[in-house]
N, C-alpha and C. Protein backbone atom coordinates (compact mmCIF):
# COMPACT_ATOMS: atom_id res chain seq x y z
N UNK A 1 -10.34 -8.31 -30.10
CA UNK A 1 -8.61 -7.79 -29.77
C UNK A 1 -8.14 -9.30 -29.39
N UNK A 2 -6.84 -8.98 -30.22
CA UNK A 2 -6.60 -10.28 -29.65
C UNK A 2 -4.85 -9.90 -28.08
N UNK A 3 -4.18 -10.70 -27.50
CA UNK A 3 -2.91 -10.03 -26.50
C UNK A 3 -2.44 -11.12 -26.57
N UNK A 4 -0.98 -10.80 -26.14
CA UNK A 4 0.28 -12.24 -25.89
C UNK A 4 -0.15 -12.44 -24.80
N UNK A 5 0.61 -13.60 -24.28
CA UNK A 5 0.70 -13.79 -22.97
C UNK A 5 0.72 -13.07 -21.94
N UNK A 6 0.27 -12.48 -21.60
CA UNK A 6 0.98 -11.95 -19.63
C UNK A 6 0.77 -10.51 -20.34
N UNK A 7 -0.07 -10.13 -21.72
CA UNK A 7 -0.35 -8.80 -21.90
C UNK A 7 -2.20 -8.64 -22.06
N UNK A 8 -2.52 -8.07 -21.13
CA UNK A 8 -4.05 -7.76 -21.36
C UNK A 8 -4.34 -6.79 -21.56
N UNK A 9 -5.79 -6.88 -22.45
CA UNK A 9 -6.06 -5.55 -22.89
C UNK A 9 -7.05 -5.42 -21.83
N UNK A 10 -7.18 -4.36 -21.39
CA UNK A 10 -8.30 -3.40 -20.55
C UNK A 10 -9.40 -3.14 -21.87
N UNK A 11 -10.42 -3.85 -21.03
CA UNK A 11 -12.15 -3.53 -21.30
C UNK A 11 -11.97 -2.07 -21.46
N UNK A 12 -13.06 -1.40 -22.62
CA UNK A 12 -14.02 0.23 -22.28
C UNK A 12 -13.85 0.58 -21.22
N UNK A 13 -13.82 1.36 -20.96
CA UNK A 13 -14.71 2.34 -19.69
C UNK A 13 -15.70 2.89 -19.66
N UNK A 14 -16.30 3.02 -19.23
CA UNK A 14 -17.98 4.25 -19.52
C UNK A 14 -17.34 5.62 -18.37
N UNK A 15 -17.53 6.74 -18.74
CA UNK A 15 -17.09 7.56 -17.30
C UNK A 15 -18.18 8.32 -17.62
N UNK A 16 -19.01 9.38 -16.73
CA UNK A 16 -20.36 10.27 -17.30
C UNK A 16 -19.66 11.63 -16.39
N UNK A 17 -20.45 12.76 -17.50
CA UNK A 17 -20.09 14.32 -17.10
C UNK A 17 -21.57 14.26 -17.26
N UNK A 18 -21.73 15.09 -15.73
CA UNK A 18 -22.63 15.68 -15.39
C UNK A 18 -22.78 16.91 -16.44
N UNK A 19 -23.94 17.98 -16.91
CA UNK A 19 -24.06 19.07 -17.28
C UNK A 19 -25.26 19.57 -16.35
N UNK A 20 -24.33 20.48 -15.65
CA UNK A 20 -25.56 21.09 -14.74
C UNK A 20 -24.87 22.60 -14.30
N UNK A 21 -25.85 23.23 -14.17
CA UNK A 21 -25.18 24.48 -13.25
C UNK A 21 -24.40 25.57 -14.09
N UNK A 22 -24.46 24.78 -15.54
CA UNK A 22 -24.34 25.64 -16.64
C UNK A 22 -22.52 25.41 -16.60
N UNK A 23 -21.97 24.49 -16.43
CA UNK A 23 -20.57 23.92 -16.26
C UNK A 23 -20.99 22.14 -16.81
N UNK A 24 -19.67 21.81 -17.39
CA UNK A 24 -19.63 20.32 -17.58
C UNK A 24 -18.51 20.14 -15.87
N UNK A 25 -19.14 18.44 -15.68
CA UNK A 25 -18.54 18.14 -14.43
C UNK A 25 -18.10 16.45 -14.45
N UNK A 26 -16.95 16.14 -14.52
CA UNK A 26 -15.67 17.17 -14.61
C UNK A 26 -15.57 17.64 -15.67
N UNK A 27 -15.11 19.11 -16.08
CA UNK A 27 -14.68 19.53 -17.06
C UNK A 27 -13.28 19.07 -18.19
N UNK A 28 -13.03 17.80 -17.26
CA UNK A 28 -11.20 17.68 -18.42
C UNK A 28 -11.47 16.29 -17.90
N UNK A 29 -11.30 15.82 -19.04
CA UNK A 29 -11.42 14.46 -18.69
C UNK A 29 -10.44 13.58 -19.71
N UNK A 30 -9.80 12.25 -19.56
CA UNK A 30 -8.74 11.92 -20.08
C UNK A 30 -8.75 10.50 -20.16
N UNK A 31 -9.57 10.18 -21.14
CA UNK A 31 -9.44 8.63 -21.41
C UNK A 31 -8.74 8.08 -22.39
N UNK A 32 -9.42 6.57 -23.02
CA UNK A 32 -8.70 5.63 -23.59
C UNK A 32 -9.54 5.52 -24.86
N UNK A 33 -8.64 5.05 -26.46
CA UNK A 33 -9.45 4.91 -27.62
C UNK A 33 -10.54 4.05 -26.73
N UNK A 34 -11.57 3.91 -27.20
CA UNK A 34 -13.06 3.09 -27.66
C UNK A 34 -13.33 2.94 -26.16
N UNK A 35 -13.22 4.13 -24.92
CA UNK A 35 -14.44 4.54 -24.02
C UNK A 35 -15.48 5.23 -24.03
N UNK A 36 -16.09 4.77 -23.32
CA UNK A 36 -17.59 5.93 -23.36
C UNK A 36 -17.52 6.98 -22.24
N UNK A 37 -18.60 8.07 -23.16
CA UNK A 37 -18.44 9.02 -22.23
C UNK A 37 -19.76 9.33 -22.64
N UNK A 38 -20.54 9.42 -21.56
CA UNK A 38 -22.03 9.80 -21.16
C UNK A 38 -21.97 10.72 -20.69
N UNK A 39 -22.59 12.31 -21.42
CA UNK A 39 -23.09 13.05 -21.11
C UNK A 39 -24.65 13.14 -20.23
N UNK A 40 -24.60 13.97 -19.24
CA UNK A 40 -26.11 14.03 -18.57
C UNK A 40 -26.47 15.01 -18.03
N UNK A 41 -27.94 15.90 -19.25
CA UNK A 41 -27.98 17.24 -18.57
C UNK A 41 -29.13 17.06 -17.74
N UNK A 42 -28.34 17.58 -16.59
CA UNK A 42 -29.18 18.14 -15.20
C UNK A 42 -29.27 19.40 -14.99
N UNK A 43 -29.99 20.15 -15.86
CA UNK A 43 -30.34 21.33 -15.86
C UNK A 43 -31.55 21.33 -16.25
N UNK A 44 -32.70 22.22 -15.83
CA UNK A 44 -33.44 22.21 -16.45
C UNK A 44 -34.01 23.29 -18.27
N UNK A 45 -33.15 23.41 -18.74
CA UNK A 45 -32.78 23.81 -20.18
C UNK A 45 -32.33 22.64 -20.79
N UNK A 46 -32.14 22.84 -22.07
CA UNK A 46 -30.90 22.02 -23.04
C UNK A 46 -29.85 22.78 -23.07
N UNK A 47 -28.85 21.42 -23.41
CA UNK A 47 -27.79 22.21 -23.92
C UNK A 47 -26.97 21.17 -24.95
N UNK A 48 -26.05 21.76 -25.14
CA UNK A 48 -25.32 20.56 -26.35
C UNK A 48 -24.07 20.17 -26.50
N UNK A 49 -23.19 19.09 -26.42
CA UNK A 49 -22.11 19.03 -26.65
C UNK A 49 -21.30 19.13 -27.77
N UNK A 50 -20.47 19.77 -28.08
CA UNK A 50 -20.57 19.72 -29.15
C UNK A 50 -18.51 20.14 -29.38
N UNK A 51 -17.91 19.58 -30.34
CA UNK A 51 -16.82 19.94 -30.38
C UNK A 51 -16.13 20.55 -31.53
N UNK A 52 -15.21 21.83 -30.37
CA UNK A 52 -14.77 22.93 -31.23
C UNK A 52 -13.94 22.05 -32.84
N UNK A 53 -13.65 21.39 -32.78
CA UNK A 53 -13.48 20.64 -34.40
C UNK A 53 -14.89 20.40 -34.72
N UNK A 54 -15.79 20.24 -34.45
CA UNK A 54 -17.00 18.73 -34.58
C UNK A 54 -16.62 18.16 -35.04
N UNK A 55 -15.89 17.12 -34.13
CA UNK A 55 -15.80 15.86 -34.40
C UNK A 55 -16.34 15.26 -33.53
N UNK A 56 -17.02 15.92 -33.09
CA UNK A 56 -18.95 15.27 -31.98
C UNK A 56 -19.43 16.29 -31.80
N UNK A 57 -21.15 16.36 -31.62
CA UNK A 57 -21.61 17.01 -31.77
C UNK A 57 -23.43 15.92 -31.33
N UNK A 58 -23.25 16.43 -29.53
CA UNK A 58 -25.04 15.62 -29.45
C UNK A 58 -26.16 16.46 -29.73
N UNK A 59 -26.70 17.14 -30.26
CA UNK A 59 -27.46 18.01 -31.10
C UNK A 59 -27.75 18.36 -29.48
N UNK A 60 -29.47 18.87 -29.73
CA UNK A 60 -29.69 19.83 -28.56
C UNK A 60 -30.32 18.64 -27.71
N UNK A 61 -30.00 19.18 -26.03
CA UNK A 61 -30.07 17.81 -25.21
C UNK A 61 -30.95 17.90 -24.00
N UNK A 62 -32.16 17.72 -24.25
CA UNK A 62 -33.54 18.39 -23.24
C UNK A 62 -32.77 18.22 -22.15
N UNK A 63 -34.01 18.68 -20.72
CA UNK A 63 -33.76 18.17 -19.37
C UNK A 63 -33.71 17.05 -19.31
N UNK A 64 -32.87 16.39 -18.28
CA UNK A 64 -32.69 14.89 -18.27
C UNK A 64 -32.74 14.41 -19.36
N UNK A 65 -32.02 14.86 -20.16
CA UNK A 65 -32.13 13.62 -21.58
C UNK A 65 -30.06 13.68 -21.47
N UNK A 66 -29.55 12.21 -22.06
CA UNK A 66 -28.37 12.28 -21.82
C UNK A 66 -27.86 11.43 -23.21
N UNK A 67 -26.49 11.56 -23.79
CA UNK A 67 -25.39 11.55 -24.73
C UNK A 67 -24.32 11.00 -25.13
N UNK A 68 -24.14 9.49 -25.73
CA UNK A 68 -22.78 9.17 -25.25
C UNK A 68 -22.02 9.06 -26.67
N UNK A 69 -21.29 9.06 -26.32
CA UNK A 69 -20.07 8.82 -27.65
C UNK A 69 -18.99 7.53 -27.48
N UNK A 70 -18.99 7.02 -28.01
CA UNK A 70 -17.65 6.20 -28.40
C UNK A 70 -16.49 6.90 -28.57
N UNK A 71 -15.15 6.51 -28.62
CA UNK A 71 -13.91 7.56 -28.63
C UNK A 71 -13.07 7.05 -30.07
N UNK A 72 -12.83 7.76 -30.93
CA UNK A 72 -12.35 7.17 -31.47
C UNK A 72 -10.62 7.78 -31.67
N UNK A 73 -10.41 8.20 -32.65
CA UNK A 73 -9.30 9.02 -32.81
C UNK A 73 -8.47 9.30 -31.39
N UNK A 74 -7.34 9.49 -31.38
CA UNK A 74 -6.49 9.83 -30.05
C UNK A 74 -5.83 11.78 -30.14
N UNK A 75 -6.20 12.27 -29.47
CA UNK A 75 -5.89 13.76 -29.77
C UNK A 75 -6.68 14.54 -28.33
N UNK A 76 -6.68 15.78 -28.05
CA UNK A 76 -7.22 16.40 -27.24
C UNK A 76 -8.51 17.50 -27.85
N UNK A 77 -9.51 17.27 -27.17
CA UNK A 77 -10.61 17.69 -27.84
C UNK A 77 -11.79 18.09 -27.11
N UNK A 78 -10.92 20.21 -27.08
CA UNK A 78 -12.21 20.75 -26.07
C UNK A 78 -13.42 20.57 -26.97
N UNK A 79 -14.42 21.55 -26.35
CA UNK A 79 -15.61 21.47 -26.83
C UNK A 79 -16.16 22.43 -25.72
N UNK A 80 -18.01 22.38 -26.14
CA UNK A 80 -18.61 23.36 -25.50
C UNK A 80 -19.89 23.06 -25.56
N UNK A 81 -21.03 24.09 -25.35
CA UNK A 81 -22.04 23.85 -25.44
C UNK A 81 -22.48 24.97 -26.90
N UNK A 82 -22.89 25.24 -27.92
CA UNK A 82 -23.69 25.59 -28.91
C UNK A 82 -24.02 27.14 -27.88
N UNK A 83 -25.67 26.67 -27.28
CA UNK A 83 -26.69 27.29 -26.66
C UNK A 83 -25.48 28.28 -25.97
N UNK A 84 -24.58 28.34 -25.04
CA UNK A 84 -24.17 29.27 -23.59
C UNK A 84 -22.80 28.89 -24.55
N UNK A 85 -22.01 29.51 -24.67
CA UNK A 85 -20.26 30.09 -24.81
C UNK A 85 -19.69 29.70 -23.94
N UNK A 86 -20.24 30.08 -22.65
CA UNK A 86 -19.24 29.94 -21.33
C UNK A 86 -18.75 28.61 -20.87
N UNK A 87 -19.64 27.61 -21.53
CA UNK A 87 -19.63 26.96 -21.20
C UNK A 87 -18.60 26.13 -22.02
N UNK A 88 -16.96 25.21 -21.18
CA UNK A 88 -16.21 24.61 -22.21
C UNK A 88 -16.27 23.27 -21.09
N UNK A 89 -15.35 22.46 -22.54
CA UNK A 89 -14.82 20.77 -21.05
C UNK A 89 -14.03 20.92 -22.22
N UNK A 90 -12.88 19.89 -21.90
CA UNK A 90 -11.84 19.20 -22.63
C UNK A 90 -11.81 17.56 -22.50
N UNK A 91 -11.94 16.74 -23.77
CA UNK A 91 -11.87 15.58 -23.96
C UNK A 91 -10.42 15.31 -24.52
N UNK A 92 -9.31 14.39 -23.90
CA UNK A 92 -8.59 13.79 -23.95
C UNK A 92 -8.03 12.14 -24.32
N UNK A 93 -7.64 11.76 -25.41
CA UNK A 93 -8.13 10.62 -25.76
C UNK A 93 -6.85 9.99 -25.98
N UNK A 94 -6.32 9.02 -25.57
CA UNK A 94 -5.02 8.52 -25.61
C UNK A 94 -5.36 7.08 -26.21
């Protein structure tokens, strides 16, 4: 990407979401387009990271496994675990 003089473009960042104790932590995340989010399953059983609108889906994440997603379109993406319907999170991309 090019930037005009005095206008520096921010490099993409990486964020980590822990999946443990049957919840996503942090449950709400605000990021920029192009940022990477890494979910790490710290529970002893599998989980998924599945957007309500299916914009992203990790598939089954075994214990101690991780999955990453690079954000694309701006918007708010509620997500949850397909195996455990009480688990919810929200990703907002600006």
